[in-house]
PDB file of N, CA and C in Angstrom:
ATOM      1  N   MET A   1     -59.743 -83.577 -90.801  1.00  0.00           N
ATOM      2  CA  MET A   1     -59.861 -82.697 -89.631  1.00  0.00           C
ATOM      3  C   MET A   1     -59.155 -83.365 -88.449  1.00  0.00           C
ATOM      4  N   ASN A   2     -58.218 -82.650 -87.852  1.00  0.00           N
ATOM      5  CA  ASN A   2     -57.506 -83.228 -86.711  1.00  0.00           C
ATOM      6  C   ASN A   2     -58.168 -82.821 -85.394  1.00  0.00           C
ATOM      7  N   LYS A   3     -57.650 -83.348 -84.313  1.00  0.00           N
ATOM      8  CA  LYS A   3     -58.268 -83.116 -82.998  1.00  0.00           C
ATOM      9  C   LYS A   3     -58.304 -81.629 -82.653  1.00  0.00           C
ATOM     10  N   ASN A   4     -57.235 -80.890 -82.959  1.00  0.00           N
ATOM     11  CA  ASN A   4     -57.214 -79.461 -82.644  1.00  0.00           C
ATOM     12  C   ASN A   4     -58.291 -78.709 -83.412  1.00  0.00           C
ATOM     13  N   GLU A   5     -58.518 -79.091 -84.664  1.00  0.00           N
ATOM     14  CA  GLU A   5     -59.567 -78.440 -85.450  1.00  0.00           C
ATOM     15  C   GLU A   5     -60.939 -78.731 -84.866  1.00  0.00           C
ATOM     16  N   VAL A   6     -61.143 -79.960 -84.404  1.00  0.00           N
ATOM     17  CA  VAL A   6     -62.414 -80.318 -83.774  1.00  0.00           C
ATOM     18  C   VAL A   6     -62.618 -79.485 -82.517  1.00  0.00           C
ATOM     19  N   LEU A   7     -61.585 -79.385 -81.694  1.00  0.00           N
ATOM     20  CA  LEU A   7     -61.693 -78.620 -80.447  1.00  0.00           C
ATOM     21  C   LEU A   7     -61.935 -77.143 -80.733  1.00  0.00           C
ATOM     22  N   THR A   8     -61.300 -76.615 -81.781  1.00  0.00           N
ATOM     23  CA  THR A   8     -61.513 -75.217 -82.160  1.00  0.00           C
ATOM     24  C   THR A   8     -62.972 -74.992 -82.533  1.00  0.00           C
ATOM     25  N   GLU A   9     -63.561 -75.943 -83.260  1.00  0.00           N
ATOM     26  CA  GLU A   9     -64.972 -75.821 -83.626  1.00  0.00           C
ATOM     27  C   GLU A   9     -65.865 -75.867 -82.394  1.00  0.00           C
ATOM     28  N   ILE A  10     -65.519 -76.719 -81.444  1.00  0.00           N
ATOM     29  CA  ILE A  10     -66.297 -76.807 -80.199  1.00  0.00           C
ATOM     30  C   ILE A  10     -66.278 -75.459 -79.487  1.00  0.00           C
ATOM     31  N   VAL A  11     -65.100 -74.870 -79.362  1.00  0.00           N
ATOM     32  CA  VAL A  11     -64.977 -73.577 -78.682  1.00  0.00           C
ATOM     33  C   VAL A  11     -65.799 -72.520 -79.408  1.00  0.00           C
ATOM     34  N   ALA A  12     -65.750 -72.529 -80.736  1.00  0.00           N
ATOM     35  CA  ALA A  12     -66.525 -71.559 -81.511  1.00  0.00           C
ATOM     36  C   ALA A  12     -68.020 -71.728 -81.243  1.00  0.00           C
ATOM     37  N   LEU A  13     -68.477 -72.981 -81.183  1.00  0.00           N
ATOM     38  CA  LEU A  13     -69.886 -73.233 -80.890  1.00  0.00           C
ATOM     39  C   LEU A  13     -70.249 -72.755 -79.490  1.00  0.00           C
ATOM     40  N   LEU A  14     -69.398 -73.048 -78.522  1.00  0.00           N
ATOM     41  CA  LEU A  14     -69.677 -72.644 -77.142  1.00  0.00           C
ATOM     42  C   LEU A  14     -69.735 -71.128 -77.028  1.00  0.00           C
ATOM     43  N   ASN A  15     -68.862 -70.429 -77.757  1.00  0.00           N
ATOM     44  CA  ASN A  15     -68.850 -68.972 -77.705  1.00  0.00           C
ATOM     45  C   ASN A  15     -70.163 -68.390 -78.204  1.00  0.00           C
ATOM     46  N   LYS A  16     -70.805 -69.060 -79.157  1.00  0.00           N
ATOM     47  CA  LYS A  16     -72.088 -68.586 -79.670  1.00  0.00           C
ATOM     48  C   LYS A  16     -73.153 -68.625 -78.582  1.00  0.00           C
ATOM     49  N   PHE A  17     -73.015 -69.548 -77.622  1.00  0.00           N
ATOM     50  CA  PHE A  17     -74.022 -69.711 -76.581  1.00  0.00           C
ATOM     51  C   PHE A  17     -73.779 -68.817 -75.374  1.00  0.00           C
ATOM     52  N   GLU A  18     -72.632 -68.171 -75.298  1.00  0.00           N
ATOM     53  CA  GLU A  18     -72.336 -67.321 -74.141  1.00  0.00           C
ATOM     54  C   GLU A  18     -73.372 -66.215 -74.029  1.00  0.00           C
ATOM     55  N   GLY A  19     -73.907 -66.036 -72.838  1.00  0.00           N
ATOM     56  CA  GLY A  19     -74.883 -64.987 -72.609  1.00  0.00           C
ATOM     57  C   GLY A  19     -76.280 -65.358 -73.070  1.00  0.00           C
ATOM     58  N   CYS A  20     -76.444 -66.583 -73.545  1.00  0.00           N
ATOM     59  CA  CYS A  20     -77.761 -67.028 -74.013  1.00  0.00           C
ATOM     60  C   CYS A  20     -78.559 -67.553 -72.825  1.00  0.00           C
ATOM     61  N   ASN A  21     -79.792 -67.109 -72.703  1.00  0.00           N
ATOM     62  CA  ASN A  21     -80.642 -67.557 -71.599  1.00  0.00           C
ATOM     63  C   ASN A  21     -81.431 -68.805 -71.952  1.00  0.00           C
ATOM     64  N   CYS A  22     -81.289 -69.265 -73.203  1.00  0.00           N
ATOM     65  CA  CYS A  22     -82.064 -70.438 -73.606  1.00  0.00           C
ATOM     66  C   CYS A  22     -81.522 -71.697 -72.925  1.00  0.00           C
ATOM     67  N   ASP A  23     -82.345 -72.722 -72.886  1.00  0.00           N
ATOM     68  CA  ASP A  23     -81.949 -73.984 -72.265  1.00  0.00           C
ATOM     69  C   ASP A  23     -81.260 -74.837 -73.318  1.00  0.00           C
ATOM     70  N   TYR A  24     -79.949 -74.797 -73.328  1.00  0.00           N
ATOM     71  CA  TYR A  24     -79.206 -75.526 -74.353  1.00  0.00           C
ATOM     72  C   TYR A  24     -78.414 -76.689 -73.772  1.00  0.00           C
ATOM     73  N   GLN A  25     -78.688 -77.071 -72.520  1.00  0.00           N
ATOM     74  CA  GLN A  25     -77.925 -78.146 -71.882  1.00  0.00           C
ATOM     75  C   GLN A  25     -78.029 -79.443 -72.678  1.00  0.00           C
ATOM     76  N   GLY A  26     -79.237 -79.790 -73.104  1.00  0.00           N
ATOM     77  CA  GLY A  26     -79.423 -81.019 -73.878  1.00  0.00           C
ATOM     78  C   GLY A  26     -78.672 -80.966 -75.196  1.00  0.00           C
ATOM     79  N   LEU A  27     -78.773 -79.821 -75.876  1.00  0.00           N
ATOM     80  CA  LEU A  27     -78.059 -79.647 -77.144  1.00  0.00           C
ATOM     81  C   LEU A  27     -76.563 -79.752 -76.919  1.00  0.00           C
ATOM     82  N   LEU A  28     -76.081 -79.124 -75.867  1.00  0.00           N
ATOM     83  CA  LEU A  28     -74.654 -79.142 -75.561  1.00  0.00           C
ATOM     84  C   LEU A  28     -74.180 -80.572 -75.318  1.00  0.00           C
ATOM     85  N   GLU A  29     -74.974 -81.351 -74.595  1.00  0.00           N
ATOM     86  CA  GLU A  29     -74.608 -82.749 -74.344  1.00  0.00           C
ATOM     87  C   GLU A  29     -74.545 -83.534 -75.656  1.00  0.00           C
ATOM     88  N   ASP A  30     -75.485 -83.254 -76.568  1.00  0.00           N
ATOM     89  CA  ASP A  30     -75.472 -83.923 -77.874  1.00  0.00           C
ATOM     90  C   ASP A  30     -74.222 -83.550 -78.655  1.00  0.00           C
ATOM     91  N   VAL A  31     -73.872 -82.267 -78.623  1.00  0.00           N
ATOM     92  CA  VAL A  31     -72.685 -81.795 -79.342  1.00  0.00           C
ATOM     93  C   VAL A  31     -71.435 -82.455 -78.775  1.00  0.00           C
ATOM     94  N   ILE A  32     -71.330 -82.506 -77.450  1.00  0.00           N
ATOM     95  CA  ILE A  32     -70.160 -83.117 -76.814  1.00  0.00           C
ATOM     96  C   ILE A  32     -70.076 -84.598 -77.174  1.00  0.00           C
ATOM     97  N   ALA A  33     -71.210 -85.294 -77.143  1.00  0.00           N
ATOM     98  CA  ALA A  33     -71.217 -86.718 -77.490  1.00  0.00           C
ATOM     99  C   ALA A  33     -70.767 -86.917 -78.931  1.00  0.00           C
ATOM    100  N   GLU A  34     -71.268 -86.075 -79.834  1.00  0.00           N
ATOM    101  CA  GLU A  34     -70.882 -86.172 -81.245  1.00  0.00           C
ATOM    102  C   GLU A  34     -69.388 -85.918 -81.410  1.00  0.00           C
ATOM    103  N   CYS A  35     -68.875 -84.919 -80.708  1.00  0.00           N
ATOM    104  CA  CYS A  35     -67.448 -84.599 -80.800  1.00  0.00           C
ATOM    105  C   CYS A  35     -66.601 -85.742 -80.248  1.00  0.00           C
ATOM    106  N   GLU A  36     -67.031 -86.327 -79.152  1.00  0.00           N
ATOM    107  CA  GLU A  36     -66.289 -87.453 -78.582  1.00  0.00           C
ATOM    108  C   GLU A  36     -66.251 -88.615 -79.563  1.00  0.00           C
ATOM    109  N   ASP A  37     -67.384 -88.862 -80.239  1.00  0.00           N
ATOM    110  CA  ASP A  37     -67.430 -89.934 -81.237  1.00  0.00           C
ATOM    111  C   ASP A  37     -66.450 -89.647 -82.368  1.00  0.00           C
ATOM    112  N   ARG A  38     -66.439 -88.400 -82.836  1.00  0.00           N
ATOM    113  CA  ARG A  38     -65.553 -88.038 -83.946  1.00  0.00           C
ATOM    114  C   ARG A  38     -64.093 -88.124 -83.532  1.00  0.00           C
ATOM    115  N   ILE A  39     -63.785 -87.655 -82.325  1.00  0.00           N
ATOM    116  CA  ILE A  39     -62.402 -87.711 -81.843  1.00  0.00           C
ATOM    117  C   ILE A  39     -61.976 -89.166 -81.688  1.00  0.00           C
ATOM    118  N   ALA A  40     -62.861 -90.010 -81.168  1.00  0.00           N
ATOM    119  CA  ALA A  40     -62.543 -91.434 -81.046  1.00  0.00           C
ATOM    120  C   ALA A  40     -62.281 -92.027 -82.422  1.00  0.00           C
ATOM    121  N   GLY A  41     -63.074 -91.612 -83.409  1.00  0.00           N
ATOM    122  CA  GLY A  41     -62.877 -92.083 -84.770  1.00  0.00           C
ATOM    123  C   GLY A  41     -61.541 -91.625 -85.328  1.00  0.00           C
ATOM    124  N   LEU A  42     -61.171 -90.376 -85.027  1.00  0.00           N
ATOM    125  CA  LEU A  42     -59.888 -89.855 -85.493  1.00  0.00           C
ATOM    126  C   LEU A  42     -58.744 -90.636 -84.872  1.00  0.00           C
ATOM    127  N   GLU A  43     -58.866 -90.934 -83.582  1.00  0.00           N
ATOM    128  CA  GLU A  43     -57.805 -91.674 -82.898  1.00  0.00           C
ATOM    129  C   GLU A  43     -57.672 -93.071 -83.494  1.00  0.00           C
ATOM    130  N   CYS A  44     -58.810 -93.674 -83.855  1.00  0.00           N
ATOM    131  CA  CYS A  44     -58.766 -95.003 -84.476  1.00  0.00           C
ATOM    132  C   CYS A  44     -58.098 -94.918 -85.841  1.00  0.00           C
ATOM    133  N   ASP A  45     -58.391 -93.864 -86.593  1.00  0.00           N
ATOM    134  CA  ASP A  45     -57.806 -93.702 -87.926  1.00  0.00           C
ATOM    135  C   ASP A  45     -56.300 -93.520 -87.857  1.00  0.00           C
ATOM    136  N   ASN A  46     -55.833 -92.902 -86.796  1.00  0.00           N
ATOM    137  CA  ASN A  46     -54.401 -92.607 -86.679  1.00  0.00           C
ATOM    138  C   ASN A  46     -53.585 -93.826 -86.294  1.00  0.00           C
ATOM    139  N   ASN A  47     -54.218 -94.844 -85.738  1.00  0.00           N
ATOM    140  CA  ASN A  47     -53.482 -96.027 -85.276  1.00  0.00           C
ATOM    141  C   ASN A  47     -53.311 -97.062 -86.370  1.00  0.00           C
TER     142      ASN A  47
END
């Protein structure tokens, strides 16, 4: 999975939350942290 695929998945997840009144800030922060970890891992793999 490359960086663009990861970002596409993030956008898809965010779109699911649009219009949602639930409190998903904590979940969103977890998702972003996980994505940053994966992207950092991808960048390390590419070097």
